[in-house]
Amino acid sequence: MYDVFLFAGTTEGRVLADRLKEIGERNGRRKIQICCFTATEYGKSLISPGENLDVHSGRLTEVDMVREIRENTTEDAVIIDATHPYAAAVTENIRKACAEAGRKYIRVLRGTTMQEETPDGHTPADRAAEDAGRTVGEQAAQAGFAPAARAAEGAGGTVGEQMAPDSFYELPDGNIVVGSTEEAAAWLAGTEGNVLLTTGSKELRVFTSVPDYRERLFARVLSLPSVVASCADLGFQGRNLICMQGPFSEEMNIALIHQTKAKYLVTKDTGREGGFPEKESAAKACGCRMIIIRRPLEEKGISVEECIRRIREKFVPEIS
């Protein structure tokens, strides 16, 4: 039976897996037993199993999770959710499964760049709206959102119908924040110039709605045969498909922006661990406008260090 279930899929998940292996013996009798889950074989390959750490790959439904938790964990087990901040459906399933199985749930969440509060309790989004003193609709008309309006009309609806109120806005530095991948594609549909996509391959299909995407869009994705094949099926190939494994430095991002002659860079709010600062500084240095996709959930979590502290306190109190 396992003391800890760890749902990984991020840098934090990999770090936790390594740290938990060395956390010590439970009650002086045995090391805590950990089972780590990743969605893909690639994710599994990045985590080294150990004497007290098993690693499994494959996507689990909520029903699968409940069964695994009930059948394979101790009654006082802890379930750690260290999945990606954009894997909203997975996080929701883990939470529900923990509630149904009666196990403790811990969310390990990397810091967000877009929603960090300042001492006055405001986020960048708050400040942008306050500084502008205008509604989103007024900003769309006055601050360069005509492309979004044209894209929405072309799709058979108004911007208001296509995008929820306050779902996108312009930051003081000129970068654009949108609420989803679909909104990013809609905004780009009315623009001109090349685009560097750094959001991965999973939602790449959405960007095929952008006119001339085969020529204008450059996708940076993982260098896996299955990923390359899926991207090629969508029309991303040759010079428009960049296959690399991160993390990426500011210098590498600058080089790619110059190489692709990108006027826009599309990214998620991946935080420091996901390389957001390096993208931001590179885009600024190159005069490249960022299109930032907000996180799908407004959730709170704890750091890797705090998670380790809590696990030690629970299972190995004498060394906490």
Protein backbone atom coordinates (compact mmCIF):
# COMPACT_ATOMS: atom_id res chain seq x y z
CA MET A 1 0.00 0.00 0.00
CA TYR A 2 1.18 3.49 -0.82
CA ASP A 3 1.48 6.40 1.59
CA VAL A 4 1.63 8.99 -1.18
CA PHE A 5 0.12 9.24 -4.63
CA LEU A 6 1.87 11.86 -6.73
CA PHE A 7 0.25 13.09 -9.93
CA ALA A 8 3.14 14.65 -11.80
CA GLY A 9 3.62 16.13 -15.28
CA THR A 10 5.61 19.25 -14.39
CA THR A 11 9.09 20.20 -13.24
CA GLU A 12 7.68 20.41 -9.72
CA GLY A 13 6.38 16.85 -10.01
CA ARG A 14 9.78 15.54 -11.04
CA VAL A 15 11.51 17.37 -8.21
CA LEU A 16 8.98 16.06 -5.71
CA ALA A 17 9.47 12.49 -6.91
CA ASP A 18 13.20 12.71 -6.28
CA ARG A 19 12.82 14.45 -2.94
CA LEU A 20 10.14 12.12 -1.61
CA LYS A 21 12.32 9.07 -2.26
CA GLU A 22 14.84 10.37 0.26
CA ILE A 23 12.45 11.67 2.89
CA GLY A 24 13.20 8.94 5.39
CA GLU A 25 11.55 6.02 7.13
CA ARG A 26 7.97 6.15 8.29
CA ASN A 27 7.84 5.80 12.07
CA GLY A 28 11.34 4.33 11.97
CA ARG A 29 10.13 1.13 10.28
CA ARG A 30 10.16 1.68 6.54
CA LYS A 31 10.48 4.39 3.95
CA ILE A 32 7.24 5.95 2.86
CA GLN A 33 5.92 4.28 -0.26
CA ILE A 34 5.14 6.53 -3.24
CA CYS A 35 3.36 5.92 -6.51
CA CYS A 36 3.84 8.53 -9.22
CA PHE A 37 1.48 8.94 -12.17
CA THR A 38 2.26 10.67 -15.46
CA ALA A 39 -0.03 11.10 -18.44
CA THR A 40 2.54 10.01 -21.04
CA GLU A 41 5.44 7.60 -21.49
CA TYR A 42 7.67 10.60 -22.12
CA GLY A 43 6.75 12.06 -18.74
CA LYS A 44 7.43 8.70 -17.13
CA SER A 45 10.88 8.54 -18.73
CA LEU A 46 11.88 11.74 -16.93
CA ILE A 47 11.29 10.25 -13.46
CA SER A 48 13.64 7.65 -12.02
CA PRO A 49 11.88 4.92 -10.02
CA GLY A 50 13.39 3.73 -6.77
CA GLU A 51 13.10 1.21 -3.99
CA ASN A 52 10.10 3.09 -2.60
CA LEU A 53 8.92 4.87 -5.75
CA ASP A 54 6.90 3.30 -8.54
CA VAL A 55 6.07 5.22 -11.72
CA HIS A 56 3.08 4.57 -13.97
CA SER A 57 2.01 6.30 -17.17
CA GLY A 58 -1.40 6.64 -18.77
CA ARG A 59 -4.37 8.98 -18.52
CA LEU A 60 -6.82 8.19 -15.72
CA THR A 61 -10.48 9.11 -15.48
CA GLU A 62 -12.03 10.19 -12.20
CA VAL A 63 -13.42 6.67 -11.79
CA ASP A 64 -9.94 5.21 -12.36
CA MET A 65 -8.48 7.58 -9.77
CA VAL A 66 -11.05 6.68 -7.12
CA ARG A 67 -10.40 2.97 -7.66
CA GLU A 68 -6.61 3.39 -7.51
CA ILE A 69 -6.80 5.50 -4.36
CA ARG A 70 -9.19 3.18 -2.54
CA GLU A 71 -7.44 -0.04 -3.47
CA ASN A 72 -3.80 1.00 -3.29
CA THR A 73 -3.33 3.66 -0.62
CA THR A 74 -3.31 3.61 3.17
CA GLU A 75 -6.21 5.26 4.99
CA ASP A 76 -4.02 8.20 6.01
CA ALA A 77 -2.41 8.57 2.57
CA VAL A 78 -1.78 11.96 0.98
CA ILE A 79 -2.61 12.65 -2.67
CA ILE A 80 -0.37 15.30 -4.25
CA ASP A 81 -1.54 17.10 -7.36
CA ALA A 82 1.53 18.50 -9.13
CA THR A 83 -0.03 18.54 -12.58
CA HIS A 84 0.27 21.47 -14.99
CA PRO A 85 -1.69 24.62 -14.05
CA TYR A 86 -3.44 24.40 -17.44
CA ALA A 87 -4.59 20.80 -16.90
CA ALA A 88 -7.80 22.03 -15.29
CA ALA A 89 -9.85 18.91 -16.01
CA VAL A 90 -7.21 16.65 -14.47
CA THR A 91 -7.00 18.75 -11.31
CA GLU A 92 -10.78 18.71 -10.97
CA ASN A 93 -10.83 14.91 -11.32
CA ILE A 94 -8.11 14.47 -8.69
CA ARG A 95 -9.96 16.72 -6.24
CA LYS A 96 -13.24 14.87 -6.72
CA ALA A 97 -11.53 11.49 -6.45
CA CYS A 98 -9.89 12.47 -3.16
CA ALA A 99 -13.19 13.69 -1.76
CA GLU A 100 -14.97 10.48 -2.76
CA ALA A 101 -12.19 8.20 -1.50
CA GLY A 102 -11.70 10.20 1.70
CA ARG A 103 -8.02 11.03 1.26
CA LYS A 104 -6.12 14.26 1.94
CA TYR A 105 -5.52 16.42 -1.14
CA ILE A 106 -2.52 18.75 -1.58
CA ARG A 107 -2.14 21.05 -4.57
CA VAL A 108 1.43 21.96 -5.51
CA LEU A 109 1.23 24.96 -7.79
CA ARG A 110 3.93 27.07 -9.40
CA GLY A 111 3.70 30.81 -8.99
CA THR A 112 1.77 32.79 -11.55
CA THR A 113 3.21 35.80 -13.32
CA MET A 114 -0.11 37.38 -14.26
CA GLN A 115 -1.97 37.13 -10.95
CA GLU A 116 0.68 37.94 -8.37
CA GLU A 117 -0.70 40.53 -5.99
CA THR A 118 1.19 43.70 -5.12
CA PRO A 119 1.21 45.13 -1.56
CA ASP A 120 -2.05 46.96 -2.34
CA GLY A 121 -3.73 43.62 -3.12
CA HIS A 122 -4.09 44.23 -6.84
CA THR A 123 -3.04 42.02 -9.74
CA PRO A 124 -1.61 43.14 -13.10
CA ALA A 125 -5.09 42.65 -14.55
CA ASP A 126 -6.59 44.98 -11.95
CA ARG A 127 -3.95 47.60 -12.54
CA ALA A 128 -4.35 47.42 -16.31
CA ALA A 129 -8.11 47.99 -16.08
CA GLU A 130 -7.74 50.78 -13.53
CA ASP A 131 -4.99 52.52 -15.48
CA ALA A 132 -6.99 52.33 -18.66
CA GLY A 133 -10.19 53.51 -16.97
CA ARG A 134 -12.17 51.87 -19.76
CA THR A 135 -14.30 48.80 -20.29
CA VAL A 136 -12.96 45.90 -22.28
CA GLY A 137 -15.20 46.94 -25.15
CA GLU A 138 -13.77 50.46 -25.08
CA GLN A 139 -10.25 49.07 -24.93
CA ALA A 140 -11.01 46.92 -27.95
CA ALA A 141 -11.97 49.98 -29.94
CA GLN A 142 -9.25 52.30 -28.62
CA ALA A 143 -6.23 50.12 -27.95
CA GLY A 144 -5.73 48.08 -31.08
CA PHE A 145 -8.32 45.32 -30.73
CA ALA A 146 -9.79 45.86 -34.18
CA PRO A 147 -8.17 42.58 -35.30
CA ALA A 148 -10.17 40.70 -32.66
CA ALA A 149 -13.35 42.40 -33.81
CA ARG A 150 -12.71 41.49 -37.45
CA ALA A 151 -11.87 37.90 -36.52
CA ALA A 152 -15.05 37.57 -34.49
CA GLU A 153 -17.18 39.00 -37.27
CA GLY A 154 -15.58 36.58 -39.70
CA ALA A 155 -16.49 33.71 -37.36
CA GLY A 156 -20.10 34.81 -37.30
CA GLY A 157 -20.26 36.74 -34.04
CA THR A 158 -19.26 39.89 -32.22
CA VAL A 159 -16.25 40.11 -29.92
CA GLY A 160 -18.69 40.17 -27.00
CA GLU A 161 -20.25 36.93 -28.20
CA GLN A 162 -16.92 35.28 -28.94
CA MET A 163 -15.16 36.37 -25.76
CA ALA A 164 -16.54 36.62 -22.24
CA PRO A 165 -16.56 40.05 -20.58
CA ASP A 166 -13.13 41.04 -19.25
CA SER A 167 -11.65 37.90 -20.77
CA PHE A 168 -8.90 39.81 -22.53
CA TYR A 169 -7.09 43.07 -21.94
CA GLU A 170 -3.94 44.98 -22.76
CA LEU A 171 -1.17 45.35 -20.22
CA PRO A 172 0.65 48.66 -19.82
CA ASP A 173 3.63 47.25 -21.73
CA GLY A 174 1.44 46.52 -24.76
CA ASN A 175 1.23 42.76 -24.29
CA ILE A 176 -2.20 41.14 -24.67
CA VAL A 177 -3.78 38.78 -22.13
CA VAL A 178 -6.53 36.43 -23.33
CA GLY A 179 -8.69 33.87 -21.60
CA SER A 180 -8.07 30.84 -23.79
CA THR A 181 -6.24 29.39 -26.76
CA GLU A 182 -9.33 30.06 -28.88
CA GLU A 183 -9.23 33.74 -27.96
CA ALA A 184 -5.52 33.92 -28.82
CA ALA A 185 -6.23 32.48 -32.27
CA ALA A 186 -9.19 34.84 -32.75
CA TRP A 187 -7.04 37.84 -31.90
CA LEU A 188 -4.23 36.72 -34.20
CA ALA A 189 -6.66 36.08 -37.05
CA GLY A 190 -6.95 39.80 -37.72
CA THR A 191 -3.25 40.64 -37.50
CA GLU A 192 -0.35 40.54 -39.90
CA GLY A 193 3.17 39.30 -39.25
CA ASN A 194 4.82 36.11 -38.09
CA VAL A 195 3.96 34.39 -34.81
CA LEU A 196 6.08 32.18 -32.55
CA LEU A 197 3.86 29.68 -30.70
CA THR A 198 5.37 28.39 -27.45
CA THR A 199 2.25 26.71 -26.06
CA GLY A 200 3.08 23.15 -27.16
CA SER A 201 1.37 20.77 -29.54
CA LYS A 202 -1.73 19.73 -27.60
CA GLU A 203 -3.90 22.68 -28.71
CA LEU A 204 -2.08 23.48 -31.92
CA ARG A 205 -5.12 22.62 -34.00
CA VAL A 206 -6.89 25.75 -32.71
CA PHE A 207 -4.34 27.98 -34.46
CA THR A 208 -5.14 26.51 -37.87
CA SER A 209 -8.05 28.98 -37.90
CA VAL A 210 -5.55 31.84 -38.36
CA PRO A 211 -5.36 32.88 -42.04
CA ASP A 212 -2.12 31.81 -43.77
CA TYR A 213 -1.09 29.90 -40.66
CA ARG A 214 1.16 27.54 -42.64
CA GLU A 215 3.37 30.48 -43.57
CA ARG A 216 2.89 32.85 -40.63
CA LEU A 217 2.94 30.57 -37.59
CA PHE A 218 6.01 28.85 -36.15
CA ALA A 219 5.37 26.18 -33.51
CA ARG A 220 7.94 25.20 -30.89
CA VAL A 221 7.16 21.70 -29.63
CA LEU A 222 8.81 18.67 -28.04
CA SER A 223 11.10 16.62 -30.24
CA LEU A 224 9.10 13.39 -30.09
CA PRO A 225 8.21 11.41 -33.24
CA SER A 226 4.51 11.31 -32.31
CA VAL A 227 4.45 15.07 -31.76
CA VAL A 228 6.20 15.78 -35.05
CA ALA A 229 3.72 13.55 -36.89
CA SER A 230 0.66 15.20 -35.32
CA CYS A 231 2.02 18.67 -36.11
CA ALA A 232 2.73 17.69 -39.73
CA ASP A 233 -0.84 16.42 -40.06
CA LEU A 234 -2.01 19.91 -39.11
CA GLY A 235 0.25 21.56 -41.66
CA PHE A 236 3.12 22.57 -39.38
CA GLN A 237 6.32 21.29 -40.91
CA GLY A 238 9.64 22.31 -42.39
CA ARG A 239 10.87 25.69 -41.15
CA ASN A 240 7.56 26.30 -39.37
CA LEU A 241 8.09 23.42 -36.93
CA ILE A 242 10.78 23.85 -34.27
CA CYS A 243 11.38 20.70 -32.22
CA MET A 244 13.32 21.32 -29.01
CA GLN A 245 13.38 20.37 -25.34
CA GLY A 246 13.43 23.18 -22.78
CA PRO A 247 14.20 24.93 -20.56
CA PHE A 248 15.01 27.84 -22.86
CA SER A 249 17.25 30.75 -21.96
CA GLU A 250 16.56 34.37 -22.86
CA GLU A 251 19.30 34.11 -25.49
CA MET A 252 17.67 31.08 -27.11
CA ASN A 253 14.28 32.81 -27.18
CA ILE A 254 15.84 35.91 -28.73
CA ALA A 255 17.51 33.78 -31.38
CA LEU A 256 14.23 32.08 -32.27
CA ILE A 257 12.32 35.37 -32.42
CA HIS A 258 14.94 36.75 -34.80
CA GLN A 259 15.09 33.55 -36.84
CA THR A 260 11.32 33.42 -37.33
CA LYS A 261 10.99 37.21 -37.66
CA ALA A 262 8.17 36.94 -35.13
CA LYS A 263 6.05 40.00 -34.46
CA TYR A 264 4.06 38.10 -31.81
CA LEU A 265 4.93 35.42 -29.27
CA VAL A 266 2.14 33.29 -27.83
CA THR A 267 2.69 31.82 -24.37
CA LYS A 268 0.86 30.51 -21.34
CA ASP A 269 1.32 31.98 -17.88
CA THR A 270 3.80 29.26 -16.99
CA GLY A 271 5.56 31.04 -14.13
CA ARG A 272 9.27 31.00 -13.43
CA GLU A 273 9.51 27.21 -13.56
CA GLY A 274 7.96 27.24 -17.02
CA GLY A 275 10.37 29.82 -18.43
CA PHE A 276 7.98 32.79 -18.58
CA PRO A 277 10.53 35.43 -17.45
CA GLU A 278 12.96 34.34 -20.18
CA LYS A 279 10.25 34.65 -22.82
CA GLU A 280 9.15 38.02 -21.49
CA SER A 281 12.63 39.54 -21.45
CA ALA A 282 13.41 38.13 -24.90
CA ALA A 283 10.20 39.52 -26.39
CA LYS A 284 10.90 42.93 -24.86
CA ALA A 285 14.46 42.94 -26.21
CA CYS A 286 13.18 42.12 -29.70
CA GLY A 287 10.16 44.44 -29.72
CA CYS A 288 7.92 41.38 -30.01
CA ARG A 289 4.40 41.59 -28.59
CA MET A 290 3.33 38.77 -26.27
CA ILE A 291 -0.09 37.11 -26.37
CA ILE A 292 -0.49 35.57 -22.91
CA ILE A 293 -3.11 32.89 -22.27
CA ARG A 294 -4.42 33.11 -18.70
CA ARG A 295 -4.70 30.08 -16.46
CA PRO A 296 -8.06 28.31 -16.68
CA LEU A 297 -8.54 28.08 -12.91
CA GLU A 298 -8.10 30.61 -10.14
CA GLU A 299 -6.67 28.21 -7.60
CA LYS A 300 -4.29 28.29 -4.70
CA GLY A 301 -1.53 25.85 -3.95
CA ILE A 302 1.71 25.41 -2.06
CA SER A 303 5.36 25.23 -3.07
CA VAL A 304 7.49 22.11 -3.42
CA GLU A 305 9.34 22.98 -0.20
CA GLU A 306 6.11 23.43 1.76
CA CYS A 307 4.81 20.12 0.40
CA ILE A 308 7.96 18.31 1.51
CA ARG A 309 7.67 19.92 4.94
CA ARG A 310 4.07 18.72 5.33
CA ILE A 311 4.88 15.17 4.23
CA ARG A 312 7.77 15.00 6.68
CA GLU A 313 5.62 16.37 9.47
CA LYS A 314 2.94 13.78 8.81
CA PHE A 315 5.00 10.65 8.21
CA VAL A 316 8.45 11.34 9.69
CA PRO A 317 7.84 13.92 12.46
CA GLU A 318 11.17 13.26 14.18
CA ILE A 319 13.08 14.87 11.25
CA SER A 320 10.59 17.59 10.33
